[in-house]
Each structure stands twice: as structure tokens, then as C-alpha cells.
Amino acid sequence: MAAVKKLTKKPRPAKAGKPVPKAKHKVVSPAGLPEPGDKKHWAALFRGQIVATTIHKFSGYVALTDQKAQGLIFMNSILIPVAMNWIEDPGYRVGAFICIVTAILSIVAAMICIYPKCRAGRKPDGTLNLLHYGDIAKLKEYEFLDEFLPVFNDMTLLSEAAAKDIHDAARRIIRPKLYWLKLSYIIFFFGNLAAISGTLYAIWYY
């Protein structure tokens, strides 16, 4: 039998005038990692993540402050009836009276800490925070839409409004809360220290 020759396809030579397309080269960073093609997309995503993390952190501060203030209210509400049982005893009268006054003042400071902070509806410079409920609630619906929609449709103005809201939350909410919580702790500590000192003094000399 005659040997059957295997037919093989020879590659056709590239036509002149049509260069062979080259593979696209990825941009590599100094660390050896490929950089994303759409830098603006990733930059916007990174900025949004930073804002979300900051807001989450502020929410944690508010929740922790309210929790501590509620604990102070609970402790002082227990101390008041206990101290009233000892106010008729001459040896404990002074200490019990100081303890009752201390508990009342500490409760008042803790309640101010928990109570939401509101203002007349505008900042001291006359501008509005369109991302805060206190400023929005003072506006009618059409007034709010007239103020908010131009900001919402402009990414630069919206980013500026978000940054101002973070600053506003720190100054109007978190800072006053921490101030009144600190004041409540100071009243609680030094008031009860004075009550104990007065009671020991009365017991020692009477």
C-alpha cells in the first residue's frame, strides 16, 4: 500500500501593511500590584468608605455616652431612697443630705447628656446643615427640596455637605454629650466623697 502522506496546514504569512496587534500591558505599581484602570471610581469608593467609617465611629461614641449616662441615672436613683432612710439619724443626716443632693444633680447632668441637641434651625453663620434632622425639620418640604436638590445633584457640593455634617455632629452632638457626662461623673464622685467625709466626721465627733 502506498504510504498516505499527512497533510499539514502551513501558517499563512501575515499580509503586509497590517501589523500584528500587541497584547495590552497592565500598569504595575512600585509594589508589583496592578493598578486599577478607573482611578476616579476607586478614589470615590475610598472616600465613601472613609466617610462611612467616620459616621460609624461617631455613632459608637453616641451610643457609649448614652449607655454610661443611663448607668449613672440608675445608680443615683438607687442612692436617693437609700439615703432618705438614714436622713432621720443625727449621725448620718449630713452625709445623707449631701448624697441626695449629689444624686439629683448627677441625674440632671446625665439627662441633659442623653437629651437630643437641637438649635433654632440654622448655624450661627446663617447656613443650613441639609444632612441634619434639626435643620431639616425647621423647613417646609418645598423649601428643603429647593435647598437640597442642587447640592444632591452636584458631587462637589454633596461631598462638602457630608464633610460639614461630620464636623457638625462632632461639635453639636458628641462634644456636648461628653461634657455633660464628664460633669455628671465629677458631681457623682466628689459629692459622694463629701457625703462619706461628712458621715465619718459626724460619727467620730458625735
C-alpha atoms as a PDB file:
ATOM      1  CA  MET A   1       0.000   0.000   0.000  1.00  0.00           C
ATOM      2  CA  ALA A   2       1.157   3.384  -0.801  1.00  0.00           C
ATOM      3  CA  ALA A   3       2.048   5.450   2.180  1.00  0.00           C
ATOM      4  CA  VAL A   4      -0.502   8.097   2.963  1.00  0.00           C
ATOM      5  CA  LYS A   5       1.033  11.441   3.409  1.00  0.00           C
ATOM      6  CA  LYS A   6      -0.243  13.515   6.296  1.00  0.00           C
ATOM      7  CA  LEU A   7      -1.495  16.875   5.228  1.00  0.00           C
ATOM      8  CA  THR A   8      -0.477  19.734   7.477  1.00  0.00           C
ATOM      9  CA  LYS A   9      -1.701  23.291   7.205  1.00  0.00           C
ATOM     10  CA  LYS A  10       1.060  25.741   6.809  1.00  0.00           C
ATOM     11  CA  PRO A  11       0.580  29.067   8.620  1.00  0.00           C
ATOM     12  CA  ARG A  12      -0.291  31.819   6.235  1.00  0.00           C
ATOM     13  CA  PRO A  13       2.160  34.705   6.246  1.00  0.00           C
ATOM     14  CA  ALA A  14       0.792  37.967   7.638  1.00  0.00           C
ATOM     15  CA  LYS A  15      -0.254  40.401   4.993  1.00  0.00           C
ATOM     16  CA  ALA A  16       1.973  43.344   4.551  1.00  0.00           C
ATOM     17  CA  GLY A  17       0.654  46.594   5.861  1.00  0.00           C
ATOM     18  CA  LYS A  18      -1.363  45.086   8.722  1.00  0.00           C
ATOM     19  CA  PRO A  19       0.755  44.955  11.895  1.00  0.00           C
ATOM     20  CA  VAL A  20       0.048  42.194  14.350  1.00  0.00           C
ATOM     21  CA  PRO A  21      -1.764  43.649  17.405  1.00  0.00           C
ATOM     22  CA  LYS A  22       0.276  43.577  20.570  1.00  0.00           C
ATOM     23  CA  ALA A  23      -1.045  42.475  23.963  1.00  0.00           C
ATOM     24  CA  LYS A  24      -2.084  45.251  26.304  1.00  0.00           C
ATOM     25  CA  HIS A  25       0.363  45.893  29.090  1.00  0.00           C
ATOM     26  CA  LYS A  26      -1.049  46.391  32.600  1.00  0.00           C
ATOM     27  CA  VAL A  27       0.204  49.311  34.619  1.00  0.00           C
ATOM     28  CA  VAL A  28       2.171  47.950  37.535  1.00  0.00           C
ATOM     29  CA  SER A  29       2.683  49.865  40.758  1.00  0.00           C
ATOM     30  CA  PRO A  30       6.073  50.036  42.513  1.00  0.00           C
ATOM     31  CA  ALA A  31       4.904  47.289  44.860  1.00  0.00           C
ATOM     32  CA  GLY A  32       4.302  44.973  41.920  1.00  0.00           C
ATOM     33  CA  LEU A  33       0.493  45.066  42.074  1.00  0.00           C
ATOM     34  CA  PRO A  34      -1.602  46.032  39.055  1.00  0.00           C
ATOM     35  CA  GLU A  35      -3.236  49.421  39.375  1.00  0.00           C
ATOM     36  CA  PRO A  36      -6.937  49.801  38.557  1.00  0.00           C
ATOM     37  CA  GLY A  37      -7.792  51.333  35.244  1.00  0.00           C
ATOM     38  CA  ASP A  38     -10.503  53.607  36.609  1.00  0.00           C
ATOM     39  CA  LYS A  39      -8.770  55.615  39.311  1.00  0.00           C
ATOM     40  CA  LYS A  40     -11.664  58.013  39.753  1.00  0.00           C
ATOM     41  CA  HIS A  41     -14.034  55.163  40.561  1.00  0.00           C
ATOM     42  CA  TRP A  42     -11.751  53.719  43.222  1.00  0.00           C
ATOM     43  CA  ALA A  43     -10.970  57.150  44.666  1.00  0.00           C
ATOM     44  CA  ALA A  44     -14.688  57.892  45.058  1.00  0.00           C
ATOM     45  CA  LEU A  45     -15.218  54.479  46.636  1.00  0.00           C
ATOM     46  CA  PHE A  46     -12.335  55.078  49.053  1.00  0.00           C
ATOM     47  CA  ARG A  47     -13.700  58.492  50.074  1.00  0.00           C
ATOM     48  CA  GLY A  48     -17.138  56.984  50.653  1.00  0.00           C
ATOM     49  CA  GLN A  49     -15.602  54.267  52.820  1.00  0.00           C
ATOM     50  CA  ILE A  50     -13.766  56.858  54.921  1.00  0.00           C
ATOM     51  CA  VAL A  51     -16.968  58.859  55.454  1.00  0.00           C
ATOM     52  CA  ALA A  52     -18.937  55.710  56.349  1.00  0.00           C
ATOM     53  CA  THR A  53     -16.244  54.625  58.829  1.00  0.00           C
ATOM     54  CA  THR A  54     -16.218  58.056  60.466  1.00  0.00           C
ATOM     55  CA  ILE A  55     -20.015  58.100  60.790  1.00  0.00           C
ATOM     56  CA  HIS A  56     -19.952  54.585  62.278  1.00  0.00           C
ATOM     57  CA  LYS A  57     -17.311  55.684  64.769  1.00  0.00           C
ATOM     58  CA  PHE A  58     -19.373  58.720  65.791  1.00  0.00           C
ATOM     59  CA  SER A  59     -22.451  56.514  66.236  1.00  0.00           C
ATOM     60  CA  GLY A  60     -20.418  54.328  68.571  1.00  0.00           C
ATOM     61  CA  TYR A  61     -19.400  57.370  70.616  1.00  0.00           C
ATOM     62  CA  VAL A  62     -23.043  58.477  70.940  1.00  0.00           C
ATOM     63  CA  ALA A  63     -24.225  55.001  71.951  1.00  0.00           C
ATOM     64  CA  LEU A  64     -21.421  54.585  74.513  1.00  0.00           C
ATOM     65  CA  THR A  65     -22.055  58.027  76.023  1.00  0.00           C
ATOM     66  CA  ASP A  66     -25.797  57.386  76.344  1.00  0.00           C
ATOM     67  CA  GLN A  67     -25.128  53.993  77.899  1.00  0.00           C
ATOM     68  CA  LYS A  68     -22.836  55.469  80.553  1.00  0.00           C
ATOM     69  CA  ALA A  69     -25.312  58.266  81.293  1.00  0.00           C
ATOM     70  CA  GLN A  70     -28.104  55.727  81.754  1.00  0.00           C
ATOM     71  CA  GLY A  71     -25.876  53.814  84.175  1.00  0.00           C
ATOM     72  CA  LEU A  72     -25.339  56.959  86.243  1.00  0.00           C
ATOM     73  CA  ILE A  73     -29.076  57.656  86.330  1.00  0.00           C
ATOM     74  CA  PHE A  74     -29.729  54.095  87.502  1.00  0.00           C
ATOM     75  CA  MET A  75     -27.101  54.225  90.273  1.00  0.00           C
ATOM     76  CA  ASN A  76     -28.204  57.620  91.548  1.00  0.00           C
ATOM     77  CA  SER A  77     -31.868  56.601  91.540  1.00  0.00           C
ATOM     78  CA  ILE A  78     -30.924  53.757  93.886  1.00  0.00           C
ATOM     79  CA  LEU A  79     -28.861  56.003  96.182  1.00  0.00           C
ATOM     80  CA  ILE A  80     -31.675  58.527  96.770  1.00  0.00           C
ATOM     81  CA  PRO A  81     -34.133  56.178  98.585  1.00  0.00           C
ATOM     82  CA  VAL A  82     -31.257  54.533 100.482  1.00  0.00           C
ATOM     83  CA  ALA A  83     -30.024  57.921 101.713  1.00  0.00           C
ATOM     84  CA  MET A  84     -33.525  59.031 102.672  1.00  0.00           C
ATOM     85  CA  ASN A  85     -33.783  56.107 105.098  1.00  0.00           C
ATOM     86  CA  TRP A  86     -30.763  57.483 107.002  1.00  0.00           C
ATOM     87  CA  ILE A  87     -31.626  61.175 106.973  1.00  0.00           C
ATOM     88  CA  GLU A  88     -33.502  60.978 110.297  1.00  0.00           C
ATOM     89  CA  ASP A  89     -30.446  59.608 112.106  1.00  0.00           C
ATOM     90  CA  PRO A  90     -28.395  62.531 113.530  1.00  0.00           C
ATOM     91  CA  GLY A  91     -25.132  60.701 112.861  1.00  0.00           C
ATOM     92  CA  TYR A  92     -25.884  60.204 109.167  1.00  0.00           C
ATOM     93  CA  ARG A  93     -28.064  63.240 108.462  1.00  0.00           C
ATOM     94  CA  VAL A  94     -25.372  65.421 106.907  1.00  0.00           C
ATOM     95  CA  GLY A  95     -23.959  62.637 104.753  1.00  0.00           C
ATOM     96  CA  ALA A  96     -27.425  61.501 103.631  1.00  0.00           C
ATOM     97  CA  PHE A  97     -28.438  65.050 102.708  1.00  0.00           C
ATOM     98  CA  ILE A  98     -25.242  65.569 100.667  1.00  0.00           C
ATOM     99  CA  CYS A  99     -25.762  62.201  98.970  1.00  0.00           C
ATOM    100  CA  ILE A 100     -29.331  63.094  97.965  1.00  0.00           C
ATOM    101  CA  VAL A 101     -28.325  66.481  96.542  1.00  0.00           C
ATOM    102  CA  THR A 102     -25.395  64.884  94.707  1.00  0.00           C
ATOM    103  CA  ALA A 103     -27.611  62.193  93.183  1.00  0.00           C
ATOM    104  CA  ILE A 104     -30.164  64.740  91.966  1.00  0.00           C
ATOM    105  CA  LEU A 105     -27.519  66.964  90.341  1.00  0.00           C
ATOM    106  CA  SER A 106     -25.800  63.974  88.750  1.00  0.00           C
ATOM    107  CA  ILE A 107     -29.113  62.723  87.334  1.00  0.00           C
ATOM    108  CA  VAL A 108     -29.873  66.159  85.867  1.00  0.00           C
ATOM    109  CA  ALA A 109     -26.470  66.309  84.136  1.00  0.00           C
ATOM    110  CA  ALA A 110     -26.890  62.755  82.806  1.00  0.00           C
ATOM    111  CA  MET A 111     -30.362  63.540  81.456  1.00  0.00           C
ATOM    112  CA  ILE A 112     -29.041  66.613  79.632  1.00  0.00           C
ATOM    113  CA  CYS A 113     -26.358  64.348  78.155  1.00  0.00           C
ATOM    114  CA  ILE A 114     -28.969  61.949  76.774  1.00  0.00           C
ATOM    115  CA  TYR A 115     -31.439  64.587  75.593  1.00  0.00           C
ATOM    116  CA  PRO A 116     -31.092  65.317  71.835  1.00  0.00           C
ATOM    117  CA  LYS A 117     -29.354  68.577  70.973  1.00  0.00           C
ATOM    118  CA  CYS A 118     -31.332  70.965  68.770  1.00  0.00           C
ATOM    119  CA  ARG A 119     -30.909  74.562  67.671  1.00  0.00           C
ATOM    120  CA  ALA A 120     -33.085  77.236  66.116  1.00  0.00           C
ATOM    121  CA  GLY A 121     -32.677  75.775  62.610  1.00  0.00           C
ATOM    122  CA  ARG A 122     -29.549  77.422  61.254  1.00  0.00           C
ATOM    123  CA  LYS A 123     -25.894  77.592  62.125  1.00  0.00           C
ATOM    124  CA  PRO A 124     -24.525  80.700  63.849  1.00  0.00           C
ATOM    125  CA  ASP A 125     -23.309  81.918  60.441  1.00  0.00           C
ATOM    126  CA  GLY A 126     -26.824  81.558  58.984  1.00  0.00           C
ATOM    127  CA  THR A 127     -26.178  78.467  56.827  1.00  0.00           C
ATOM    128  CA  LEU A 128     -28.104  75.180  56.954  1.00  0.00           C
ATOM    129  CA  ASN A 129     -26.903  71.637  57.511  1.00  0.00           C
ATOM    130  CA  LEU A 130     -29.042  69.798  54.974  1.00  0.00           C
ATOM    131  CA  LEU A 131     -27.967  66.389  56.334  1.00  0.00           C
ATOM    132  CA  HIS A 132     -29.022  67.024  59.955  1.00  0.00           C
ATOM    133  CA  TYR A 133     -32.554  66.454  61.194  1.00  0.00           C
ATOM    134  CA  GLY A 134     -32.536  69.572  63.362  1.00  0.00           C
ATOM    135  CA  ASP A 135     -32.089  71.917  60.397  1.00  0.00           C
ATOM    136  CA  ILE A 136     -34.296  69.901  58.034  1.00  0.00           C
ATOM    137  CA  ALA A 137     -37.232  69.772  60.462  1.00  0.00           C
ATOM    138  CA  LYS A 138     -37.495  73.575  60.508  1.00  0.00           C
ATOM    139  CA  LEU A 139     -38.015  73.721  56.730  1.00  0.00           C
ATOM    140  CA  LYS A 140     -41.137  73.050  54.722  1.00  0.00           C
ATOM    141  CA  GLU A 141     -40.954  70.365  52.061  1.00  0.00           C
ATOM    142  CA  TYR A 142     -40.596  72.697  49.085  1.00  0.00           C
ATOM    143  CA  GLU A 143     -38.002  74.784  50.938  1.00  0.00           C
ATOM    144  CA  PHE A 144     -35.990  71.670  51.725  1.00  0.00           C
ATOM    145  CA  LEU A 145     -36.150  70.474  48.106  1.00  0.00           C
ATOM    146  CA  ASP A 146     -35.076  73.880  46.813  1.00  0.00           C
ATOM    147  CA  GLU A 147     -32.077  73.834  49.134  1.00  0.00           C
ATOM    148  CA  PHE A 148     -31.148  70.146  48.900  1.00  0.00           C
ATOM    149  CA  LEU A 149     -31.581  69.141  45.246  1.00  0.00           C
ATOM    150  CA  PRO A 150     -28.841  71.444  43.868  1.00  0.00           C
ATOM    151  CA  VAL A 151     -26.460  70.032  46.456  1.00  0.00           C
ATOM    152  CA  PHE A 152     -27.546  66.441  45.823  1.00  0.00           C
ATOM    153  CA  ASN A 153     -27.027  66.716  42.061  1.00  0.00           C
ATOM    154  CA  ASP A 154     -23.517  68.181  42.392  1.00  0.00           C
ATOM    155  CA  MET A 155     -20.885  65.737  43.675  1.00  0.00           C
ATOM    156  CA  THR A 156     -18.571  68.530  44.846  1.00  0.00           C
ATOM    157  CA  LEU A 157     -21.298  70.245  46.855  1.00  0.00           C
ATOM    158  CA  LEU A 158     -22.529  66.901  48.198  1.00  0.00           C
ATOM    159  CA  SER A 159     -19.027  65.965  49.399  1.00  0.00           C
ATOM    160  CA  GLU A 160     -18.711  69.354  51.065  1.00  0.00           C
ATOM    161  CA  ALA A 161     -22.101  68.896  52.767  1.00  0.00           C
ATOM    162  CA  ALA A 162     -21.057  65.446  54.048  1.00  0.00           C
ATOM    163  CA  ALA A 163     -17.802  66.848  55.463  1.00  0.00           C
ATOM    164  CA  LYS A 164     -19.689  69.710  57.138  1.00  0.00           C
ATOM    165  CA  ASP A 165     -22.171  67.232  58.622  1.00  0.00           C
ATOM    166  CA  ILE A 166     -19.320  65.231  60.192  1.00  0.00           C
ATOM    167  CA  HIS A 167     -17.948  68.410  61.761  1.00  0.00           C
ATOM    168  CA  ASP A 168     -21.436  69.463  62.857  1.00  0.00           C
ATOM    169  CA  ALA A 169     -22.081  66.094  64.523  1.00  0.00           C
ATOM    170  CA  ALA A 170     -18.793  66.282  66.418  1.00  0.00           C
ATOM    171  CA  ARG A 171     -19.410  69.846  67.586  1.00  0.00           C
ATOM    172  CA  ARG A 172     -23.163  69.815  68.226  1.00  0.00           C
ATOM    173  CA  ILE A 173     -23.738  66.256  69.443  1.00  0.00           C
ATOM    174  CA  ILE A 174     -20.646  64.406  70.645  1.00  0.00           C
ATOM    175  CA  ARG A 175     -18.811  67.287  72.321  1.00  0.00           C
ATOM    176  CA  PRO A 176     -21.806  68.436  74.464  1.00  0.00           C
ATOM    177  CA  LYS A 177     -22.617  64.826  75.369  1.00  0.00           C
ATOM    178  CA  LEU A 178     -19.090  64.169  76.603  1.00  0.00           C
ATOM    179  CA  TYR A 179     -19.107  67.464  78.531  1.00  0.00           C
ATOM    180  CA  TRP A 180     -22.316  66.681  80.444  1.00  0.00           C
ATOM    181  CA  LEU A 181     -21.277  63.067  81.019  1.00  0.00           C
ATOM    182  CA  LYS A 182     -17.969  64.233  82.457  1.00  0.00           C
ATOM    183  CA  LEU A 183     -19.769  66.754  84.661  1.00  0.00           C
ATOM    184  CA  SER A 184     -22.140  64.046  85.907  1.00  0.00           C
ATOM    185  CA  TYR A 185     -19.205  61.806  86.831  1.00  0.00           C
ATOM    186  CA  ILE A 186     -17.444  64.666  88.648  1.00  0.00           C
ATOM    187  CA  ILE A 187     -20.574  65.510  90.650  1.00  0.00           C
ATOM    188  CA  PHE A 188     -21.107  61.847  91.479  1.00  0.00           C
ATOM    189  CA  PHE A 189     -17.543  61.307  92.654  1.00  0.00           C
ATOM    190  CA  PHE A 190     -16.886  64.457  94.656  1.00  0.00           C
ATOM    191  CA  GLY A 191     -20.445  64.649  96.036  1.00  0.00           C
ATOM    192  CA  ASN A 192     -20.333  61.116  97.420  1.00  0.00           C
ATOM    193  CA  LEU A 193     -16.795  61.722  98.696  1.00  0.00           C
ATOM    194  CA  ALA A 194     -18.105  64.738 100.608  1.00  0.00           C
ATOM    195  CA  ALA A 195     -21.044  62.667 101.894  1.00  0.00           C
ATOM    196  CA  ILE A 196     -18.726  59.934 103.188  1.00  0.00           C
ATOM    197  CA  SER A 197     -16.408  62.519 104.765  1.00  0.00           C
ATOM    198  CA  GLY A 198     -19.364  64.267 106.460  1.00  0.00           C
ATOM    199  CA  THR A 199     -20.698  60.964 107.777  1.00  0.00           C
ATOM    200  CA  LEU A 200     -17.317  59.912 109.186  1.00  0.00           C
ATOM    201  CA  TYR A 201     -16.884  63.324 110.786  1.00  0.00           C
ATOM    202  CA  ALA A 202     -20.320  63.110 112.430  1.00  0.00           C
ATOM    203  CA  ILE A 203     -19.706  59.569 113.689  1.00  0.00           C
ATOM    204  CA  TRP A 204     -16.246  60.459 115.023  1.00  0.00           C
ATOM    205  CA  TYR A 205     -17.291  63.609 116.943  1.00  0.00           C
ATOM    206  CA  TYR A 206     -20.848  62.689 117.867  1.00  0.00           C
END
